[in-house]
Amino acid sequence: VMAALVVAEGQKALVGSLLAVIATGSENPADVKKKIAG
């Protein structure tokens, strides 16, 4: 499940930087989104 979209449409991002996170398996997408906030 797509847990978090870190970069907005139209925004530039450096190579290697985080764009988004997918929650896999039995993970809770909301919990995954909280973990990547920082």
PDB file of all heavy atoms in Angstrom:
ATOM      1  N   VAL A   1       0.854  -1.185   0.000  1.00  0.00           N
ATOM      2  CA  VAL A   1       0.000   0.000   0.000  1.00  0.00           C
ATOM      3  C   VAL A   1       0.891   1.235   0.000  1.00  0.00           C
ATOM      4  O   VAL A   1       1.880   1.293   0.740  1.00  0.00           O
ATOM      5  CB  VAL A   1      -0.925   0.025   1.233  1.00  0.00           C
ATOM      6  CG1 VAL A   1      -1.741   1.317   1.264  1.00  0.00           C
ATOM      7  CG2 VAL A   1      -1.858  -1.183   1.223  1.00  0.00           C
ATOM      8  N   MET A   2       0.568   2.211  -0.839  1.00  0.00           N
ATOM      9  CA  MET A   2       1.332   3.453  -0.857  1.00  0.00           C
ATOM     10  C   MET A   2       1.096   4.187   0.460  1.00  0.00           C
ATOM     11  O   MET A   2       0.039   4.750   0.698  1.00  0.00           O
ATOM     12  CB  MET A   2       0.909   4.327  -2.039  1.00  0.00           C
ATOM     13  CG  MET A   2       1.762   5.587  -2.216  1.00  0.00           C
ATOM     14  SD  MET A   2       3.485   5.221  -2.615  1.00  0.00           S
ATOM     15  CE  MET A   2       3.334   4.717  -4.342  1.00  0.00           C
ATOM     16  N   ALA A   3       2.116   4.156   1.324  1.00  0.00           N
ATOM     17  CA  ALA A   3       1.957   4.713   2.669  1.00  0.00           C
ATOM     18  C   ALA A   3       2.185   6.213   2.704  1.00  0.00           C
ATOM     19  O   ALA A   3       1.492   6.932   3.441  1.00  0.00           O
ATOM     20  CB  ALA A   3       2.927   4.024   3.633  1.00  0.00           C
ATOM     21  N   ALA A   4       3.149   6.716   1.944  1.00  0.00           N
ATOM     22  CA  ALA A   4       3.470   8.140   2.015  1.00  0.00           C
ATOM     23  C   ALA A   4       4.095   8.620   0.722  1.00  0.00           C
ATOM     24  O   ALA A   4       4.982   7.958   0.168  1.00  0.00           O
ATOM     25  CB  ALA A   4       4.411   8.419   3.185  1.00  0.00           C
ATOM     26  N   LEU A   5       3.619   9.760   0.236  1.00  0.00           N
ATOM     27  CA  LEU A   5       4.223  10.446  -0.904  1.00  0.00           C
ATOM     28  C   LEU A   5       5.036  11.597  -0.327  1.00  0.00           C
ATOM     29  O   LEU A   5       4.478  12.578   0.163  1.00  0.00           O
ATOM     30  CB  LEU A   5       3.156  10.957  -1.871  1.00  0.00           C
ATOM     31  CG  LEU A   5       2.199   9.902  -2.452  1.00  0.00           C
ATOM     32  CD1 LEU A   5       1.190  10.565  -3.381  1.00  0.00           C
ATOM     33  CD2 LEU A   5       2.976   8.820  -3.197  1.00  0.00           C
ATOM     34  N   VAL A   6       6.337  11.488  -0.373  1.00  0.00           N
ATOM     35  CA  VAL A   6       7.220  12.459   0.274  1.00  0.00           C
ATOM     36  C   VAL A   6       7.435  13.690  -0.592  1.00  0.00           C
ATOM     37  O   VAL A   6       7.517  14.812  -0.097  1.00  0.00           O
ATOM     38  CB  VAL A   6       8.568  11.796   0.615  1.00  0.00           C
ATOM     39  CG1 VAL A   6       9.525  12.790   1.249  1.00  0.00           C
ATOM     40  CG2 VAL A   6       8.348  10.604   1.535  1.00  0.00           C
ATOM     41  N   VAL A   7       7.534  13.504  -1.904  1.00  0.00           N
ATOM     42  CA  VAL A   7       7.803  14.609  -2.833  1.00  0.00           C
ATOM     43  C   VAL A   7       6.527  14.944  -3.591  1.00  0.00           C
ATOM     44  O   VAL A   7       5.865  14.062  -4.139  1.00  0.00           O
ATOM     45  CB  VAL A   7       8.928  14.232  -3.818  1.00  0.00           C
ATOM     46  CG1 VAL A   7       9.139  15.327  -4.849  1.00  0.00           C
ATOM     47  CG2 VAL A   7      10.223  13.970  -3.053  1.00  0.00           C
ATOM     48  N   ALA A   8       6.204  16.214  -3.633  1.00  0.00           N
ATOM     49  CA  ALA A   8       4.984  16.659  -4.303  1.00  0.00           C
ATOM     50  C   ALA A   8       5.194  16.747  -5.815  1.00  0.00           C
ATOM     51  O   ALA A   8       6.321  16.865  -6.296  1.00  0.00           O
ATOM     52  CB  ALA A   8       4.557  18.024  -3.763  1.00  0.00           C
ATOM     53  N   GLU A   9       4.110  16.688  -6.567  1.00  0.00           N
ATOM     54  CA  GLU A   9       4.180  16.819  -8.014  1.00  0.00           C
ATOM     55  C   GLU A   9       4.770  18.176  -8.393  1.00  0.00           C
ATOM     56  O   GLU A   9       4.438  19.205  -7.799  1.00  0.00           O
ATOM     57  CB  GLU A   9       2.788  16.661  -8.629  1.00  0.00           C
ATOM     58  CG  GLU A   9       2.227  15.254  -8.493  1.00  0.00           C
ATOM     59  CD  GLU A   9       0.873  15.102  -9.175  1.00  0.00           C
ATOM     60  OE1 GLU A   9       0.348  16.118  -9.668  1.00  0.00           O
ATOM     61  OE2 GLU A   9       0.343  13.975  -9.220  1.00  0.00           O
ATOM     62  N   GLY A  10       5.698  18.155  -9.356  1.00  0.00           N
ATOM     63  CA  GLY A  10       6.351  19.377  -9.788  1.00  0.00           C
ATOM     64  C   GLY A  10       7.599  19.713  -8.997  1.00  0.00           C
ATOM     65  O   GLY A  10       8.335  20.637  -9.355  1.00  0.00           O
ATOM     66  N   GLN A  11       7.865  18.964  -7.930  1.00  0.00           N
ATOM     67  CA  GLN A  11       9.021  19.239  -7.075  1.00  0.00           C
ATOM     68  C   GLN A  11      10.245  18.473  -7.570  1.00  0.00           C
ATOM     69  O   GLN A  11      10.153  17.344  -8.036  1.00  0.00           O
ATOM     70  CB  GLN A  11       8.709  18.827  -5.639  1.00  0.00           C
ATOM     71  CG  GLN A  11       9.811  19.133  -4.635  1.00  0.00           C
ATOM     72  CD  GLN A  11       9.396  18.762  -3.213  1.00  0.00           C
ATOM     73  OE1 GLN A  11       8.216  18.589  -2.920  1.00  0.00           O
ATOM     74  NE2 GLN A  11      10.386  18.628  -2.332  1.00  0.00           N
ATOM     75  N   LYS A  12      11.414  19.114  -7.463  1.00  0.00           N
ATOM     76  CA  LYS A  12      12.669  18.473  -7.833  1.00  0.00           C
ATOM     77  C   LYS A  12      13.210  17.675  -6.648  1.00  0.00           C
ATOM     78  O   LYS A  12      12.965  18.029  -5.498  1.00  0.00           O
ATOM     79  CB  LYS A  12      13.699  19.507  -8.272  1.00  0.00           C
ATOM     80  CG  LYS A  12      13.327  20.241  -9.557  1.00  0.00           C
ATOM     81  CD  LYS A  12      14.399  21.235  -9.949  1.00  0.00           C
ATOM     82  CE  LYS A  12      14.020  21.952 -11.249  1.00  0.00           C
ATOM     83  NZ  LYS A  12      15.052  22.931 -11.672  1.00  0.00           N
ATOM     84  N   ALA A  13      13.945  16.633  -6.947  1.00  0.00           N
ATOM     85  CA  ALA A  13      14.538  15.795  -5.899  1.00  0.00           C
ATOM     86  C   ALA A  13      15.911  15.331  -6.343  1.00  0.00           C
ATOM     87  O   ALA A  13      16.109  14.974  -7.513  1.00  0.00           O
ATOM     88  CB  ALA A  13      13.642  14.587  -5.606  1.00  0.00           C
ATOM     89  N   LEU A  14      16.873  15.356  -5.418  1.00  0.00           N
ATOM     90  CA  LEU A  14      18.217  14.893  -5.720  1.00  0.00           C
ATOM     91  C   LEU A  14      18.233  13.387  -5.930  1.00  0.00           C
ATOM     92  O   LEU A  14      17.398  12.660  -5.384  1.00  0.00           O
ATOM     93  CB  LEU A  14      19.167  15.261  -4.576  1.00  0.00           C
ATOM     94  CG  LEU A  14      19.402  16.754  -4.328  1.00  0.00           C
ATOM     95  CD1 LEU A  14      20.262  16.933  -3.080  1.00  0.00           C
ATOM     96  CD2 LEU A  14      20.061  17.412  -5.531  1.00  0.00           C
ATOM     97  N   VAL A  15      19.173  12.931  -6.740  1.00  0.00           N
ATOM     98  CA  VAL A  15      19.342  11.497  -6.945  1.00  0.00           C
ATOM     99  C   VAL A  15      19.611  10.823  -5.598  1.00  0.00           C
ATOM    100  O   VAL A  15      20.419  11.290  -4.802  1.00  0.00           O
ATOM    101  CB  VAL A  15      20.516  11.231  -7.909  1.00  0.00           C
ATOM    102  CG1 VAL A  15      20.906   9.753  -7.893  1.00  0.00           C
ATOM    103  CG2 VAL A  15      20.159  11.667  -9.318  1.00  0.00           C
ATOM    104  N   GLY A  16      18.890   9.762  -5.323  1.00  0.00           N
ATOM    105  CA  GLY A  16      19.049   9.033  -4.074  1.00  0.00           C
ATOM    106  C   GLY A  16      18.137   9.493  -2.964  1.00  0.00           C
ATOM    107  O   GLY A  16      18.056   8.832  -1.930  1.00  0.00           O
ATOM    108  N   SER A  17      17.457  10.622  -3.156  1.00  0.00           N
ATOM    109  CA  SER A  17      16.571  11.112  -2.097  1.00  0.00           C
ATOM    110  C   SER A  17      15.240  10.375  -2.123  1.00  0.00           C
ATOM    111  O   SER A  17      14.829   9.813  -3.134  1.00  0.00           O
ATOM    112  CB  SER A  17      16.354  12.617  -2.239  1.00  0.00           C
ATOM    113  OG  SER A  17      15.753  12.922  -3.492  1.00  0.00           O
ATOM    114  N   LEU A  18      14.568  10.393  -1.004  1.00  0.00           N
ATOM    115  CA  LEU A  18      13.333   9.631  -0.831  1.00  0.00           C
ATOM    116  C   LEU A  18      12.172  10.290  -1.560  1.00  0.00           C
ATOM    117  O   LEU A  18      11.938  11.490  -1.440  1.00  0.00           O
ATOM    118  CB  LEU A  18      13.011   9.525   0.662  1.00  0.00           C
ATOM    119  CG  LEU A  18      11.869   8.601   1.061  1.00  0.00           C
ATOM    120  CD1 LEU A  18      12.200   7.151   0.728  1.00  0.00           C
ATOM    121  CD2 LEU A  18      11.574   8.759   2.557  1.00  0.00           C
ATOM    122  N   LEU A  19      11.442   9.495  -2.330  1.00  0.00           N
ATOM    123  CA  LEU A  19      10.262   9.982  -3.042  1.00  0.00           C
ATOM    124  C   LEU A  19       8.966   9.512  -2.384  1.00  0.00           C
ATOM    125  O   LEU A  19       8.008  10.273  -2.287  1.00  0.00           O
ATOM    126  CB  LEU A  19      10.283   9.505  -4.499  1.00  0.00           C
ATOM    127  CG  LEU A  19      11.465   9.932  -5.364  1.00  0.00           C
ATOM    128  CD1 LEU A  19      11.299   9.364  -6.777  1.00  0.00           C
ATOM    129  CD2 LEU A  19      11.586  11.452  -5.412  1.00  0.00           C
ATOM    130  N   ALA A  20       8.954   8.267  -1.973  1.00  0.00           N
ATOM    131  CA  ALA A  20       7.737   7.695  -1.390  1.00  0.00           C
ATOM    132  C   ALA A  20       8.096   6.414  -0.648  1.00  0.00           C
ATOM    133  O   ALA A  20       9.212   5.904  -0.758  1.00  0.00           O
ATOM    134  CB  ALA A  20       6.691   7.417  -2.472  1.00  0.00           C
ATOM    135  N   VAL A  21       7.126   5.895   0.117  1.00  0.00           N
ATOM    136  CA  VAL A  21       7.325   4.647   0.863  1.00  0.00           C
ATOM    137  C   VAL A  21       6.102   3.766   0.679  1.00  0.00           C
ATOM    138  O   VAL A  21       4.962   4.236   0.760  1.00  0.00           O
ATOM    139  CB  VAL A  21       7.556   4.914   2.367  1.00  0.00           C
ATOM    140  CG1 VAL A  21       7.758   3.592   3.113  1.00  0.00           C
ATOM    141  CG2 VAL A  21       8.753   5.814   2.588  1.00  0.00           C
ATOM    142  N   ILE A  22       6.364   2.488   0.441  1.00  0.00           N
ATOM    143  CA  ILE A  22       5.296   1.501   0.308  1.00  0.00           C
ATOM    144  C   ILE A  22       5.282   0.603   1.541  1.00  0.00           C
ATOM    145  O   ILE A  22       6.325   0.087   1.953  1.00  0.00           O
ATOM    146  CB  ILE A  22       5.489   0.641  -0.955  1.00  0.00           C
ATOM    147  CG1 ILE A  22       5.356   1.497  -2.216  1.00  0.00           C
ATOM    148  CG2 ILE A  22       4.482  -0.501  -0.996  1.00  0.00           C
ATOM    149  CD1 ILE A  22       5.623   0.736  -3.492  1.00  0.00           C
ATOM    150  N   ALA A  23       4.119   0.453   2.141  1.00  0.00           N
ATOM    151  CA  ALA A  23       3.960  -0.474   3.270  1.00  0.00           C
ATOM    152  C   ALA A  23       3.693  -1.868   2.701  1.00  0.00           C
ATOM    153  O   ALA A  23       2.780  -2.061   1.912  1.00  0.00           O
ATOM    154  CB  ALA A  23       2.796  -0.041   4.146  1.00  0.00           C
ATOM    155  N   THR A  24       4.546  -2.804   3.058  1.00  0.00           N
ATOM    156  CA  THR A  24       4.408  -4.155   2.532  1.00  0.00           C
ATOM    157  C   THR A  24       3.963  -5.112   3.634  1.00  0.00           C
ATOM    158  O   THR A  24       4.009  -4.788   4.823  1.00  0.00           O
ATOM    159  CB  THR A  24       5.747  -4.645   1.948  1.00  0.00           C
ATOM    160  OG1 THR A  24       6.726  -4.650   2.989  1.00  0.00           O
ATOM    161  CG2 THR A  24       6.216  -3.742   0.817  1.00  0.00           C
ATOM    162  N   GLY A  25       3.544  -6.288   3.238  1.00  0.00           N
ATOM    163  CA  GLY A  25       3.132  -7.316   4.201  1.00  0.00           C
ATOM    164  C   GLY A  25       1.955  -6.846   5.047  1.00  0.00           C
ATOM    165  O   GLY A  25       0.990  -6.274   4.555  1.00  0.00           O
ATOM    166  N   SER A  26       2.085  -7.052   6.354  1.00  0.00           N
ATOM    167  CA  SER A  26       0.990  -6.714   7.275  1.00  0.00           C
ATOM    168  C   SER A  26       1.192  -5.354   7.931  1.00  0.00           C
ATOM    169  O   SER A  26       0.502  -5.023   8.908  1.00  0.00           O
ATOM    170  CB  SER A  26       0.870  -7.802   8.352  1.00  0.00           C
ATOM    171  OG  SER A  26       2.086  -7.909   9.084  1.00  0.00           O
ATOM    172  N   GLU A  27       2.125  -4.567   7.429  1.00  0.00           N
ATOM    173  CA  GLU A  27       2.403  -3.264   8.026  1.00  0.00           C
ATOM    174  C   GLU A  27       1.199  -2.344   7.927  1.00  0.00           C
ATOM    175  O   GLU A  27       0.431  -2.382   6.956  1.00  0.00           O
ATOM    176  CB  GLU A  27       3.583  -2.602   7.321  1.00  0.00           C
ATOM    177  CG  GLU A  27       4.931  -3.268   7.572  1.00  0.00           C
ATOM    178  CD  GLU A  27       6.035  -2.562   6.812  1.00  0.00           C
ATOM    179  OE1 GLU A  27       5.892  -2.404   5.587  1.00  0.00           O
ATOM    180  OE2 GLU A  27       7.031  -2.165   7.447  1.00  0.00           O
ATOM    181  N   ASN A  28       1.065  -1.488   8.927  1.00  0.00           N
ATOM    182  CA  ASN A  28       0.026  -0.471   8.910  1.00  0.00           C
ATOM    183  C   ASN A  28       0.569   0.748   8.166  1.00  0.00           C
ATOM    184  O   ASN A  28       1.552   1.345   8.595  1.00  0.00           O
ATOM    185  CB  ASN A  28      -0.354  -0.086  10.345  1.00  0.00           C
ATOM    186  CG  ASN A  28      -1.541   0.850  10.383  1.00  0.00           C
ATOM    187  OD1 ASN A  28      -1.682   1.733   9.540  1.00  0.00           O
ATOM    188  ND2 ASN A  28      -2.405   0.675  11.375  1.00  0.00           N
ATOM    189  N   PRO A  29      -0.051   1.153   7.058  1.00  0.00           N
ATOM    190  CA  PRO A  29       0.448   2.291   6.294  1.00  0.00           C
ATOM    191  C   PRO A  29       0.584   3.561   7.130  1.00  0.00           C
ATOM    192  O   PRO A  29       1.525   4.337   6.936  1.00  0.00           O
ATOM    193  CB  PRO A  29      -0.606   2.450   5.196  1.00  0.00           C
ATOM    194  CG  PRO A  29      -1.164   1.076   5.018  1.00  0.00           C
ATOM    195  CD  PRO A  29      -1.196   0.496   6.393  1.00  0.00           C
ATOM    196  N   ALA A  30      -0.338   3.766   8.072  1.00  0.00           N
ATOM    197  CA  ALA A  30      -0.265   4.963   8.908  1.00  0.00           C
ATOM    198  C   ALA A  30       0.975   4.949   9.787  1.00  0.00           C
ATOM    199  O   ALA A  30       1.633   5.983   9.980  1.00  0.00           O
ATOM    200  CB  ALA A  30      -1.526   5.067   9.765  1.00  0.00           C
ATOM    201  N   ASP A  31       1.316   3.775  10.325  1.00  0.00           N
ATOM    202  CA  ASP A  31       2.518   3.667  11.152  1.00  0.00           C
ATOM    203  C   ASP A  31       3.782   3.895  10.326  1.00  0.00           C
ATOM    204  O   ASP A  31       4.741   4.542  10.769  1.00  0.00           O
ATOM    205  CB  ASP A  31       2.580   2.285  11.808  1.00  0.00           C
ATOM    206  CG  ASP A  31       1.475   2.080  12.827  1.00  0.00           C
ATOM    207  OD1 ASP A  31       0.931   3.095  13.312  1.00  0.00           O
ATOM    208  OD2 ASP A  31       1.149   0.908  13.121  1.00  0.00           O
ATOM    209  N   VAL A  32       3.782   3.396   9.101  1.00  0.00           N
ATOM    210  CA  VAL A  32       4.934   3.578   8.224  1.00  0.00           C
ATOM    211  C   VAL A  32       5.124   5.062   7.897  1.00  0.00           C
ATOM    212  O   VAL A  32       6.236   5.576   7.893  1.00  0.00           O
ATOM    213  CB  VAL A  32       4.759   2.764   6.921  1.00  0.00           C
ATOM    214  CG1 VAL A  32       5.858   3.108   5.921  1.00  0.00           C
ATOM    215  CG2 VAL A  32       4.768   1.269   7.221  1.00  0.00           C
ATOM    216  N   LYS A  33       4.016   5.757   7.665  1.00  0.00           N
ATOM    217  CA  LYS A  33       4.094   7.179   7.340  1.00  0.00           C
ATOM    218  C   LYS A  33       4.689   7.976   8.488  1.00  0.00           C
ATOM    219  O   LYS A  33       5.473   8.910   8.278  1.00  0.00           O
ATOM    220  CB  LYS A  33       2.704   7.695   6.984  1.00  0.00           C
ATOM    221  CG  LYS A  33       2.690   9.146   6.519  1.00  0.00           C
ATOM    222  CD  LYS A  33       1.314   9.558   6.028  1.00  0.00           C
ATOM    223  CE  LYS A  33       1.338  11.002   5.520  1.00  0.00           C
ATOM    224  NZ  LYS A  33       0.021  11.425   4.996  1.00  0.00           N
ATOM    225  N   LYS A  34       4.333   7.590   9.728  1.00  0.00           N
ATOM    226  CA  LYS A  34       4.869   8.298  10.891  1.00  0.00           C
ATOM    227  C   LYS A  34       6.377   8.085  11.020  1.00  0.00           C
ATOM    228  O   LYS A  34       7.118   8.994  11.365  1.00  0.00           O
ATOM    229  CB  LYS A  34       4.169   7.815  12.163  1.00  0.00           C
ATOM    230  CG  LYS A  34       2.712   8.244  12.275  1.00  0.00           C
ATOM    231  CD  LYS A  34       2.093   7.706  13.562  1.00  0.00           C
ATOM    232  CE  LYS A  34       0.615   8.099  13.675  1.00  0.00           C
ATOM    233  NZ  LYS A  34      -0.004   7.545  14.908  1.00  0.00           N
ATOM    234  N   LYS A  35       6.827   6.872  10.718  1.00  0.00           N
ATOM    235  CA  LYS A  35       8.242   6.545  10.875  1.00  0.00           C
ATOM    236  C   LYS A  35       9.133   7.330   9.909  1.00  0.00           C
ATOM    237  O   LYS A  35      10.277   7.651  10.234  1.00  0.00           O
ATOM    238  CB  LYS A  35       8.459   5.052  10.670  1.00  0.00           C
ATOM    239  CG  LYS A  35       7.890   4.182  11.776  1.00  0.00           C
ATOM    240  CD  LYS A  35       8.165   2.712  11.484  1.00  0.00           C
ATOM    241  CE  LYS A  35       7.568   1.821  12.575  1.00  0.00           C
ATOM    242  NZ  LYS A  35       7.822   0.374  12.308  1.00  0.00           N
ATOM    243  N   ILE A  36       8.619   7.643   8.726  1.00  0.00           N
ATOM    244  CA  ILE A  36       9.482   8.298   7.725  1.00  0.00           C
ATOM    245  C   ILE A  36       9.375   9.816   7.804  1.00  0.00           C
ATOM    246  O   ILE A  36      10.062  10.524   7.067  1.00  0.00           O
ATOM    247  CB  ILE A  36       9.135   7.828   6.300  1.00  0.00           C
ATOM    248  CG1 ILE A  36       7.679   8.172   5.933  1.00  0.00           C
ATOM    249  CG2 ILE A  36       9.397   6.350   6.147  1.00  0.00           C
ATOM    250  CD1 ILE A  36       7.529   9.418   5.146  1.00  0.00           C
ATOM    251  N   ALA A  37       8.551  10.338   8.702  1.00  0.00           N
ATOM    252  CA  ALA A  37       8.335  11.791   8.763  1.00  0.00           C
ATOM    253  C   ALA A  37       9.629  12.562   9.004  1.00  0.00           C
ATOM    254  O   ALA A  37       9.852  13.628   8.439  1.00  0.00           O
ATOM    255  CB  ALA A  37       7.316  12.119   9.849  1.00  0.00           C
ATOM    256  N   GLY A  38      10.529  12.012   9.827  1.00  0.00           N
ATOM    257  CA  GLY A  38      11.733  12.747  10.182  1.00  0.00           C
ATOM    258  C   GLY A  38      12.895  12.583   9.234  1.00  0.00           C
ATOM    259  O   GLY A  38      13.909  13.265   9.375  1.00  0.00           O
TER     260      GLY A  38
END
